[in-house]
């Protein structure tokens, strides 16, 4: 599934829809590509025509102008058509983005000269099942969270691996994550940090009460089934998107997706540890310098 670096001829530039600065920067980047005889599409994140162009295979490369949330959204779009993504950071976090907003021109020049590498990352597929019927399916880059809703009461989560009973968590919820997602919600819950090039599935309980509180790391060929039991609110949330309401007895199955996502990288593979140290020493989520 590996992709090699190439010089793109058709580029989509996607901006965060609520950041005015993102839209302006996207237009500036598009003009630069056009001046180098590269066909461009420039639009906000949820533009239908842009989505259709990517889905139809009319785009070689996508530039995402925003933060890690924008990167997650475009990853869902770009996985199936295997369109690589270059992230230009405007948000607070930058685990997924590659270049700062004031460094976009050198980044684009490297892309136009083919001086970059493509980093492949694993994705997962989650399916919502009720009474033996599939109600919905989602591709995800970070994690699926199965757990309580607004009410601050734990839920019972009967968890199986490859059809074999593991445990029943009594907890706020359980996270099933990729290595990419190991530095997101799972990290906040006390989970291990996995290098992004690994292809493993991480199970991490959230606030377990008198339950197994350790993370479990699985091979990519394994699959997870979580059956929820409660008499109050519960939900499924995929990559931080709007929650899907769950009923007592509903099941969520998660396994490796047939798709991967590819990110444009300029640094060597050990960049991940440098970025991680910088983020954890000065947490950018607080907005403080």
Protein backbone atom coordinates (compact mmCIF):
# COMPACT_ATOMS: atom_id res chain seq x y z
CA UNK A 1 0.00 0.00 0.00
CA UNK A 2 3.05 2.27 0.18
CA UNK A 3 3.07 5.42 -1.99
CA UNK A 4 6.18 7.15 -3.30
CA UNK A 5 6.75 10.91 -3.55
CA UNK A 6 5.60 12.51 -6.80
CA UNK A 7 5.07 15.98 -8.25
CA UNK A 8 1.33 16.76 -8.08
CA UNK A 9 -0.59 18.23 -11.00
CA UNK A 10 -4.02 18.61 -9.36
CA UNK A 11 -4.17 19.98 -5.82
CA UNK A 12 -7.10 20.63 -3.48
CA UNK A 13 -6.61 23.27 -0.78
CA UNK A 14 -9.04 22.91 2.10
CA UNK A 15 -9.48 25.48 4.86
CA UNK A 16 -11.08 25.36 8.30
CA UNK A 17 -14.61 26.74 7.70
CA UNK A 18 -14.77 29.08 10.71
CA UNK A 19 -11.26 30.55 10.59
CA UNK A 20 -11.13 33.61 8.33
CA UNK A 21 -7.33 33.50 8.32
CA UNK A 22 -7.47 29.91 7.05
CA UNK A 23 -9.58 30.89 4.05
CA UNK A 24 -7.31 33.78 3.15
CA UNK A 25 -4.19 31.63 3.43
CA UNK A 26 -5.78 28.90 1.32
CA UNK A 27 -6.42 31.39 -1.49
CA UNK A 28 -2.83 32.62 -1.31
CA UNK A 29 -1.51 29.06 -1.53
CA UNK A 30 -3.84 28.27 -4.43
CA UNK A 31 -2.55 31.30 -6.37
CA UNK A 32 1.02 30.11 -5.84
CA UNK A 33 0.22 26.65 -7.17
CA UNK A 34 -1.55 28.17 -10.18
CA UNK A 35 1.51 30.31 -10.91
CA UNK A 36 3.44 27.03 -11.13
CA UNK A 37 0.96 25.55 -13.62
CA UNK A 38 -0.73 23.27 -11.08
CA UNK A 39 -4.53 22.95 -11.30
CA UNK A 40 -6.12 23.81 -7.94
CA UNK A 41 -9.43 23.58 -6.14
CA UNK A 42 -9.79 25.91 -3.16
CA UNK A 43 -12.73 25.48 -0.79
CA UNK A 44 -13.86 25.22 2.81
CA UNK A 45 -13.80 21.88 4.58
CA UNK A 46 -17.40 20.80 3.98
CA UNK A 47 -17.75 21.96 0.36
CA UNK A 48 -19.72 19.34 -1.60
CA UNK A 49 -18.00 19.96 -4.94
CA UNK A 50 -14.57 19.56 -3.35
CA UNK A 51 -15.62 16.31 -1.71
CA UNK A 52 -16.87 15.01 -5.06
CA UNK A 53 -13.63 15.93 -6.82
CA UNK A 54 -11.54 14.06 -4.23
CA UNK A 55 -13.86 11.05 -4.25
CA UNK A 56 -13.84 10.88 -8.06
CA UNK A 57 -10.04 10.79 -8.16
CA UNK A 58 -9.59 14.26 -9.65
CA UNK A 59 -7.09 15.34 -7.00
CA UNK A 60 -3.45 14.21 -6.56
CA UNK A 61 -2.72 15.98 -3.27
CA UNK A 62 -4.73 17.79 -0.60
CA UNK A 63 -3.43 20.67 1.53
CA UNK A 64 -5.32 21.14 4.80
CA UNK A 65 -5.11 24.61 6.34
CA UNK A 66 -6.17 24.42 9.99
CA UNK A 67 -5.32 22.21 12.96
CA UNK A 68 -5.46 18.55 13.87
CA UNK A 69 -9.26 18.59 13.77
CA UNK A 70 -9.15 19.67 10.13
CA UNK A 71 -6.60 16.93 9.45
CA UNK A 72 -8.93 14.32 10.95
CA UNK A 73 -11.84 15.43 8.81
CA UNK A 74 -9.89 15.42 5.54
CA UNK A 75 -8.36 12.06 6.43
CA UNK A 76 -11.83 10.53 6.34
CA UNK A 77 -12.26 12.03 2.87
CA UNK A 78 -8.84 11.11 1.45
CA UNK A 79 -8.40 7.54 2.71
CA UNK A 80 -10.39 5.61 0.10
CA UNK A 81 -9.08 7.51 -2.97
CA UNK A 82 -5.53 7.37 -1.49
CA UNK A 83 -4.94 11.13 -1.73
CA UNK A 84 -1.91 12.26 0.35
CA UNK A 85 -2.35 15.19 2.76
CA UNK A 86 -0.06 18.08 3.65
CA UNK A 87 -1.14 19.89 6.83
CA UNK A 88 -0.51 23.62 7.28
CA UNK A 89 -0.89 24.46 10.97
CA UNK A 90 -3.21 27.24 12.13
CA UNK A 91 -4.63 25.47 15.17
CA UNK A 92 -3.12 24.93 18.60
CA UNK A 93 -2.15 21.30 18.24
CA UNK A 94 0.17 20.05 15.52
CA UNK A 95 0.59 16.30 15.94
CA UNK A 96 -0.70 15.72 12.40
CA UNK A 97 0.21 18.92 10.54
CA UNK A 98 3.64 19.31 8.94
CA UNK A 99 4.34 23.03 8.38
CA UNK A 100 3.56 26.22 10.30
CA UNK A 101 1.37 28.82 8.59
CA UNK A 102 4.35 31.12 7.96
CA UNK A 103 6.35 28.27 6.40
CA UNK A 104 3.85 27.25 3.74
CA UNK A 105 5.85 28.51 0.76
CA UNK A 106 9.04 26.47 1.45
CA UNK A 107 6.77 23.47 2.10
CA UNK A 108 4.98 23.89 -1.23
CA UNK A 109 8.31 24.36 -3.04
CA UNK A 110 9.50 21.03 -1.65
CA UNK A 111 6.30 19.37 -2.78
CA UNK A 112 6.71 20.82 -6.28
CA UNK A 113 10.25 19.45 -6.45
CA UNK A 114 9.28 16.03 -5.06
CA UNK A 115 11.55 16.54 -2.01
CA UNK A 116 9.41 14.85 0.60
CA UNK A 117 8.35 11.44 1.83
CA UNK A 118 4.93 9.92 2.39
CA UNK A 119 4.13 8.50 5.81
CA UNK A 120 1.49 5.77 5.89
CA UNK A 121 -0.81 5.55 8.89
CA UNK A 122 -3.28 2.90 9.88
CA UNK A 123 -7.02 3.54 10.04
CA UNK A 124 -9.82 1.62 11.76
CA UNK A 125 -13.40 0.82 10.78
CA UNK A 126 -16.16 0.84 13.39
CA UNK A 127 -19.64 -0.63 12.92
CA UNK A 128 -22.74 0.01 15.06
CA UNK A 129 -24.87 -3.13 15.44
CA UNK A 130 -28.33 -3.49 16.98
CA UNK A 131 -30.24 -6.77 17.06
CA UNK A 132 -27.86 -8.22 14.49
CA UNK A 133 -28.31 -5.38 12.01
CA UNK A 134 -25.66 -2.85 10.96
CA UNK A 135 -26.94 0.68 11.66
CA UNK A 136 -23.86 2.59 10.54
CA UNK A 137 -20.14 2.33 9.78
CA UNK A 138 -17.30 4.84 10.09
CA UNK A 139 -13.64 5.04 9.10
CA UNK A 140 -11.45 6.63 11.77
CA UNK A 141 -7.88 7.82 12.18
CA UNK A 142 -7.77 8.45 15.95
CA UNK A 143 -10.32 6.53 17.98
CA UNK A 144 -13.81 5.27 18.64
CA UNK A 145 -15.15 6.11 22.11
CA UNK A 146 -17.98 3.98 23.49
CA UNK A 147 -19.38 5.17 26.78
CA UNK A 148 -21.70 7.29 28.86
CA UNK A 149 -23.56 10.31 27.59
CA UNK A 150 -24.28 13.50 29.55
CA UNK A 151 -25.26 11.69 32.75
CA UNK A 152 -22.27 11.13 35.06
CA UNK A 153 -22.93 7.44 35.66
CA UNK A 154 -20.72 4.55 34.52
CA UNK A 155 -21.76 2.03 31.91
CA UNK A 156 -21.08 -1.70 31.67
CA UNK A 157 -18.99 -2.55 28.60
CA UNK A 158 -18.69 -6.25 27.80
CA UNK A 159 -15.55 -6.42 25.69
CA UNK A 160 -14.39 -9.23 23.39
CA UNK A 161 -11.23 -9.70 21.33
CA UNK A 162 -11.55 -11.91 18.25
CA UNK A 163 -14.82 -13.24 19.66
CA UNK A 164 -13.28 -14.22 23.01
CA UNK A 165 -14.39 -12.55 26.24
CA UNK A 166 -11.82 -10.13 27.68
CA UNK A 167 -13.57 -8.32 30.53
CA UNK A 168 -16.57 -6.18 31.44
CA UNK A 169 -15.49 -2.64 32.15
CA UNK A 170 -17.52 -0.58 34.61
CA UNK A 171 -16.36 2.81 33.44
CA UNK A 172 -17.13 6.12 31.81
CA UNK A 173 -16.24 4.39 28.57
CA UNK A 174 -13.66 2.58 26.53
CA UNK A 175 -11.45 3.93 23.74
CA UNK A 176 -10.43 1.79 20.77
CA UNK A 177 -7.60 3.66 19.04
CA UNK A 178 -4.95 3.55 16.35
CA UNK A 179 -1.29 4.38 17.05
CA UNK A 180 -2.11 7.88 15.75
CA UNK A 181 -4.90 8.09 18.33
CA UNK A 182 -2.56 6.99 21.12
CA UNK A 183 -1.50 10.66 21.48
CA UNK A 184 -5.11 11.92 21.55
CA UNK A 185 -7.91 10.97 23.96
CA UNK A 186 -6.20 7.69 24.88
CA UNK A 187 -3.11 9.59 26.08
CA UNK A 188 -5.30 11.82 28.28
CA UNK A 189 -6.84 8.67 29.75
CA UNK A 190 -3.40 7.36 30.73
CA UNK A 191 -2.67 5.12 27.76
CA UNK A 192 0.71 4.32 26.21
CA UNK A 193 2.27 6.29 23.38
CA UNK A 194 2.65 4.23 20.21
CA UNK A 195 4.86 5.31 17.28
CA UNK A 196 2.61 6.28 14.36
CA UNK A 197 4.14 3.79 11.92
CA UNK A 198 2.94 0.82 13.99
CA UNK A 199 -0.17 -1.09 12.95
CA UNK A 200 -1.77 -1.99 16.26
CA UNK A 201 -5.14 -1.53 17.92
CA UNK A 202 -5.21 0.02 21.39
CA UNK A 203 -7.97 -0.61 23.96
CA UNK A 204 -8.04 1.94 26.80
CA UNK A 205 -10.73 2.19 29.52
CA UNK A 206 -11.74 5.65 30.73
CA UNK A 207 -12.19 6.06 34.51
CA UNK A 208 -12.77 2.36 35.24
CA UNK A 209 -14.32 1.55 38.62
CA UNK A 210 -13.10 -1.69 40.23
CA UNK A 211 -12.28 -2.89 36.71
CA UNK A 212 -9.17 -3.67 34.69
CA UNK A 213 -7.45 -0.31 34.27
CA UNK A 214 -4.59 -1.30 31.98
CA UNK A 215 -4.35 -0.66 28.26
CA UNK A 216 -4.38 -3.64 25.89
CA UNK A 217 -2.45 -3.49 22.61
CA UNK A 218 -3.56 -5.80 19.80
CA UNK A 219 -2.21 -6.87 16.45
CA UNK A 220 -3.84 -5.19 13.44
CA UNK A 221 -5.45 -8.50 12.45
CA UNK A 222 -7.48 -8.62 15.65
CA UNK A 223 -10.94 -7.15 16.11
CA UNK A 224 -12.83 -5.77 19.10
CA UNK A 225 -16.49 -6.02 20.04
CA UNK A 226 -17.92 -3.82 22.80
CA UNK A 227 -21.48 -4.50 23.98
CA UNK A 228 -22.99 -1.75 26.08
CA UNK A 229 -25.34 -2.27 29.03
CA UNK A 230 -26.99 0.61 30.90
CA UNK A 231 -30.35 2.13 31.81
CA UNK A 232 -29.40 5.71 30.94
CA UNK A 233 -27.63 7.67 28.17
CA UNK A 234 -24.74 6.23 26.18
CA UNK A 235 -23.08 7.12 22.90
CA UNK A 236 -20.49 6.30 20.27
CA UNK A 237 -18.14 9.09 19.16
CA UNK A 238 -15.74 8.59 16.25
CA UNK A 239 -12.75 10.94 15.99
CA UNK A 240 -14.55 13.52 18.12
CA UNK A 241 -17.53 13.83 15.78
CA UNK A 242 -21.12 14.26 16.91
CA UNK A 243 -22.11 11.36 19.21
CA UNK A 244 -24.32 8.53 17.99
CA UNK A 245 -26.91 7.51 20.64
CA UNK A 246 -26.68 3.91 21.83
CA UNK A 247 -29.27 1.64 23.40
CA UNK A 248 -28.86 -1.13 25.93
CA UNK A 249 -27.47 -4.21 24.16
CA UNK A 250 -25.99 -2.31 21.20
CA UNK A 251 -22.63 -3.51 19.95
CA UNK A 252 -19.70 -1.67 18.39
CA UNK A 253 -17.22 -3.71 16.38
CA UNK A 254 -13.84 -2.20 15.50
CA UNK A 255 -11.15 -3.65 13.26
CA UNK A 256 -8.39 -2.49 10.91
CA UNK A 257 -9.67 -0.65 7.86
CA UNK A 258 -8.69 -1.70 4.37
CA UNK A 259 -7.64 1.93 3.87
CA UNK A 260 -4.61 3.85 5.09
CA UNK A 261 -3.92 7.57 5.12
CA UNK A 262 -0.74 9.17 3.77
CA UNK A 263 0.81 12.35 5.17
CA UNK A 264 3.47 14.47 3.48
CA UNK A 265 6.58 14.63 5.67
CA UNK A 266 9.83 16.58 5.25
CA UNK A 267 11.62 15.44 8.40
CA UNK A 268 13.09 12.02 9.12
CA UNK A 269 11.04 9.38 10.93
CA UNK A 270 12.31 10.39 14.38
CA UNK A 271 10.48 13.75 14.08
CA UNK A 272 7.61 12.20 16.06
CA UNK A 273 9.58 12.12 19.31
CA UNK A 274 10.82 15.70 18.93
CA UNK A 275 7.26 16.93 18.36
CA UNK A 276 5.95 14.86 21.24
CA UNK A 277 8.47 16.28 23.70
CA UNK A 278 7.74 19.84 22.59
CA UNK A 279 3.98 19.36 22.96
CA UNK A 280 4.19 17.77 26.39
CA UNK A 281 6.66 20.31 27.81
CA UNK A 282 4.46 23.26 26.78
CA UNK A 283 0.88 22.17 26.29
CA UNK A 284 -0.50 24.19 23.32
CA UNK A 285 -4.09 23.28 24.21
CA UNK A 286 -4.03 25.89 26.99
CA UNK A 287 -3.38 28.70 24.53
CA UNK A 288 -0.46 29.89 26.67
CA UNK A 289 3.06 30.39 25.38
